[in-house]
N, C-alpha and C. Protein backbone atom coordinates (compact mmCIF):
# COMPACT_ATOMS: atom_id res chain seq x y z
N MET A 1 1.34 10.82 -9.61
CA MET A 1 1.38 10.36 -10.91
C MET A 1 0.40 10.08 -11.76
N THR A 2 -0.79 11.46 -11.35
CA THR A 2 -1.36 12.47 -12.31
C THR A 2 -0.57 12.40 -13.47
N GLN A 3 0.35 12.78 -13.07
CA GLN A 3 1.24 13.55 -13.73
C GLN A 3 2.45 13.31 -15.07
N THR A 4 1.86 11.82 -15.10
CA THR A 4 3.70 10.71 -15.31
C THR A 4 2.69 10.73 -17.09
N SER A 5 3.18 10.90 -17.47
CA SER A 5 2.54 10.64 -19.17
C SER A 5 3.22 8.82 -19.52
N SER A 6 2.08 8.35 -20.32
CA SER A 6 2.14 7.03 -20.51
C SER A 6 3.92 6.78 -20.99
N ASP A 7 4.64 8.02 -21.72
CA ASP A 7 5.98 7.55 -22.42
C ASP A 7 6.39 7.10 -21.16
N GLN A 8 6.87 7.96 -19.76
CA GLN A 8 7.69 7.69 -18.92
C GLN A 8 6.87 6.45 -18.11
N LEU A 9 5.68 5.82 -18.12
CA LEU A 9 5.82 4.67 -17.35
C LEU A 9 6.26 3.37 -18.47
N VAL A 10 6.24 3.62 -19.51
CA VAL A 10 6.71 2.49 -20.20
C VAL A 10 8.25 2.51 -20.22
N LYS A 11 8.80 3.61 -20.33
CA LYS A 11 10.52 3.43 -20.14
C LYS A 11 10.99 2.39 -19.07
N VAL A 12 11.53 2.09 -19.35
CA VAL A 12 12.73 0.46 -19.11
C VAL A 12 13.74 0.89 -18.12
N ILE A 13 13.63 1.03 -17.00
CA ILE A 13 14.14 1.42 -16.10
C ILE A 13 15.51 0.00 -15.41
N ASP A 14 16.74 0.38 -15.51
CA ASP A 14 17.38 -0.41 -15.12
C ASP A 14 17.76 -0.69 -13.59
N PHE A 15 17.12 -1.41 -12.64
CA PHE A 15 17.99 -1.79 -11.61
C PHE A 15 19.36 -2.30 -10.77
N ARG A 16 19.82 -0.96 -10.40
CA ARG A 16 21.32 -2.09 -10.51
C ARG A 16 21.97 -3.31 -11.37
N GLY A 17 21.19 -3.21 -12.49
CA GLY A 17 22.08 -3.69 -13.16
C GLY A 17 21.72 -6.00 -12.74
N LEU A 18 20.40 -5.77 -11.98
CA LEU A 18 19.87 -7.00 -11.89
C LEU A 18 18.83 -7.21 -12.98
N PHE A 19 18.21 -6.34 -12.88
CA PHE A 19 16.93 -6.61 -13.55
C PHE A 19 16.32 -4.90 -14.81
N GLN A 20 15.84 -5.45 -15.59
CA GLN A 20 15.53 -4.10 -16.66
C GLN A 20 13.32 -4.26 -16.72
N TRP A 21 13.02 -3.37 -15.92
CA TRP A 21 11.77 -3.39 -15.79
C TRP A 21 10.85 -2.13 -16.73
N PRO A 22 9.72 -2.25 -17.05
CA PRO A 22 9.31 -0.27 -17.00
C PRO A 22 8.68 -0.26 -15.41
N ALA A 23 9.08 1.38 -16.22
CA ALA A 23 8.79 2.22 -14.64
C ALA A 23 7.68 2.19 -14.12
N VAL A 24 6.35 1.16 -14.83
CA VAL A 24 5.03 0.94 -14.26
C VAL A 24 4.94 0.27 -13.05
N LEU A 25 6.45 -1.44 -13.40
CA LEU A 25 5.95 -2.22 -12.63
C LEU A 25 6.85 -1.80 -11.42
N PHE A 26 7.94 -0.78 -11.44
CA PHE A 26 8.25 -0.21 -9.90
C PHE A 26 7.24 0.82 -9.22
N VAL A 27 5.99 0.29 -9.80
CA VAL A 27 5.24 1.49 -8.98
C VAL A 27 4.05 0.28 -8.38
N GLN A 28 3.96 -0.66 -9.51
CA GLN A 28 3.46 -2.09 -8.77
C GLN A 28 3.87 -2.55 -7.77
N LEU A 29 5.38 -2.77 -7.80
CA LEU A 29 6.18 -3.09 -7.05
C LEU A 29 6.24 -2.64 -5.09
N GLY A 30 6.15 -0.96 -5.73
CA GLY A 30 6.01 -0.51 -4.55
C GLY A 30 4.75 -0.11 -3.76
N LEU A 31 3.91 -0.55 -4.29
CA LEU A 31 2.32 -0.53 -4.01
C LEU A 31 2.32 -1.92 -3.15
N SER A 32 3.22 -3.27 -3.60
CA SER A 32 2.71 -4.66 -3.43
C SER A 32 3.08 -4.30 -2.59
N HIS A 33 4.21 -3.78 -2.27
CA HIS A 33 5.28 -3.94 -0.77
C HIS A 33 5.02 -3.11 -0.04
N SER A 34 3.69 -2.18 -0.10
CA SER A 34 3.42 -1.73 1.14
C SER A 34 2.04 -2.54 1.50
N ILE A 35 1.42 -2.92 0.78
CA ILE A 35 0.47 -3.50 1.45
C ILE A 35 1.03 -5.23 2.06
N HIS A 36 2.08 -5.52 1.84
CA HIS A 36 2.51 -6.88 2.46
C HIS A 36 2.87 -5.94 3.97
N HIS A 37 3.66 -4.55 4.16
CA HIS A 37 3.56 -4.52 5.10
C HIS A 37 2.57 -4.07 5.85
N ARG A 38 1.34 -3.56 5.40
CA ARG A 38 0.30 -3.41 5.62
C ARG A 38 -0.55 -5.09 6.71
N GLY A 39 -0.28 -5.92 6.26
CA GLY A 39 -0.75 -7.12 6.68
C GLY A 39 0.31 -7.87 7.22
N GLN A 40 1.35 -7.29 7.62
CA GLN A 40 2.17 -7.24 9.01
C GLN A 40 1.83 -6.72 9.95
N LEU A 41 1.78 -5.84 9.57
CA LEU A 41 1.17 -5.08 10.89
C LEU A 41 -0.38 -5.58 11.58
N SER A 42 -0.82 -5.71 11.01
CA SER A 42 -2.19 -6.12 10.97
C SER A 42 -1.93 -7.37 12.27
N THR A 43 -1.49 -7.93 11.23
CA THR A 43 -1.01 -9.31 12.35
C THR A 43 -0.30 -9.46 13.11
N TYR A 44 0.75 -8.21 13.64
CA TYR A 44 1.09 -8.47 15.25
C TYR A 44 0.45 -7.48 16.11
N LEU A 45 -0.31 -6.47 15.82
CA LEU A 45 -0.87 -5.94 16.46
C LEU A 45 -2.25 -6.88 17.19
N ARG A 46 -3.97 -7.12 15.87
CA ARG A 46 -4.15 -7.22 16.56
C ARG A 46 -4.08 -8.41 17.39
N PRO A 47 -3.74 -9.28 17.36
CA PRO A 47 -3.41 -10.38 18.79
C PRO A 47 -3.10 -9.61 20.34
N MET A 48 -2.47 -8.58 19.89
CA MET A 48 -2.17 -7.50 20.97
C MET A 48 -2.83 -7.24 21.59
N GLY A 49 -4.21 -7.29 21.14
CA GLY A 49 -5.48 -6.46 21.38
C GLY A 49 -5.49 -4.76 20.29
N ALA A 50 -4.34 -4.70 19.73
CA ALA A 50 -4.74 -3.05 19.36
C ALA A 50 -5.51 -3.03 18.41
N LYS A 51 -5.68 -1.84 18.02
CA LYS A 51 -6.09 -1.34 16.74
C LYS A 51 -4.98 -1.10 15.39
N VAL A 52 -5.86 -1.46 14.32
CA VAL A 52 -4.69 -1.32 13.28
C VAL A 52 -4.83 0.18 12.33
N PRO A 53 -3.83 0.86 12.53
CA PRO A 53 -4.12 2.46 11.87
C PRO A 53 -4.14 2.46 10.33
N SER A 54 -5.25 3.76 10.11
CA SER A 54 -5.14 3.35 8.96
C SER A 54 -4.52 4.04 8.22
N ILE A 55 -3.20 3.61 7.88
CA ILE A 55 -2.32 3.83 6.73
C ILE A 55 -2.79 3.36 5.35
N TYR A 56 -2.10 3.56 4.52
CA TYR A 56 -2.30 3.14 3.08
C TYR A 56 -3.88 2.56 2.70
N GLY A 57 -4.39 3.61 3.56
CA GLY A 57 -6.16 3.70 3.19
C GLY A 57 -6.64 3.55 4.55
N GLU A 58 -7.97 3.51 4.57
CA GLU A 58 -8.54 2.58 5.63
C GLU A 58 -8.75 1.14 6.08
N SER A 59 -8.18 1.09 7.27
CA SER A 59 -8.43 -0.12 8.29
C SER A 59 -10.04 -0.69 8.39
N TYR A 60 -9.85 -1.87 8.75
CA TYR A 60 -10.92 -2.37 9.19
C TYR A 60 -11.04 -2.18 10.49
N ASP A 61 -11.04 -1.74 11.39
CA ASP A 61 -10.45 -1.30 12.92
C ASP A 61 -11.15 0.13 12.60
N ALA A 62 -10.97 1.33 11.37
CA ALA A 62 -11.77 2.86 11.58
C ALA A 62 -12.15 2.50 10.76
N ARG A 63 -12.64 1.48 9.99
CA ARG A 63 -14.28 1.61 9.58
C ARG A 63 -15.11 1.26 10.31
N GLU A 64 -14.62 -0.13 10.87
CA GLU A 64 -15.36 -0.44 12.48
C GLU A 64 -15.98 0.64 12.97
N ALA A 65 -14.96 1.90 13.76
CA ALA A 65 -15.39 2.52 14.68
C ALA A 65 -15.81 3.50 13.94
N ARG A 66 -16.43 3.89 12.38
CA ARG A 66 -16.97 4.98 11.85
C ARG A 66 -18.13 4.71 11.87
N GLU A 67 -18.10 3.09 11.35
CA GLU A 67 -19.50 2.69 11.39
C GLU A 67 -20.43 2.46 12.89
N LYS A 68 -19.94 2.72 13.41
CA LYS A 68 -20.52 2.14 15.00
C LYS A 68 -20.56 3.59 15.88
N ALA A 69 -19.42 4.78 14.63
CA ALA A 69 -19.99 6.30 15.54
C ALA A 69 -20.85 6.69 14.83
N ALA A 70 -21.07 6.50 13.65
CA ALA A 70 -22.27 6.99 12.41
C ALA A 70 -23.65 5.96 12.93
N LYS A 71 -24.03 5.37 13.60
CA LYS A 71 -24.54 4.60 14.13
C LYS A 71 -25.16 4.92 15.70
N SER A 72 -24.76 5.92 16.42
CA SER A 72 -24.79 6.56 17.50
C SER A 72 -25.67 7.82 17.65
């Protein structure tokens, strides 16, 4: 992404003839989709007593463990 130019990000891309969006919106869609699935994963794991892994960035559970370790 850091090497993607502004011109590339605003280029309109056709998605299977269903809709046409600038490339940057496809990036936003992918990010939102990943965040949504992280929420689903949290919803399933926590009631089972499992810890949510640090995918797509640090999870609350990972932060809690890190802060607890720092205090020890």
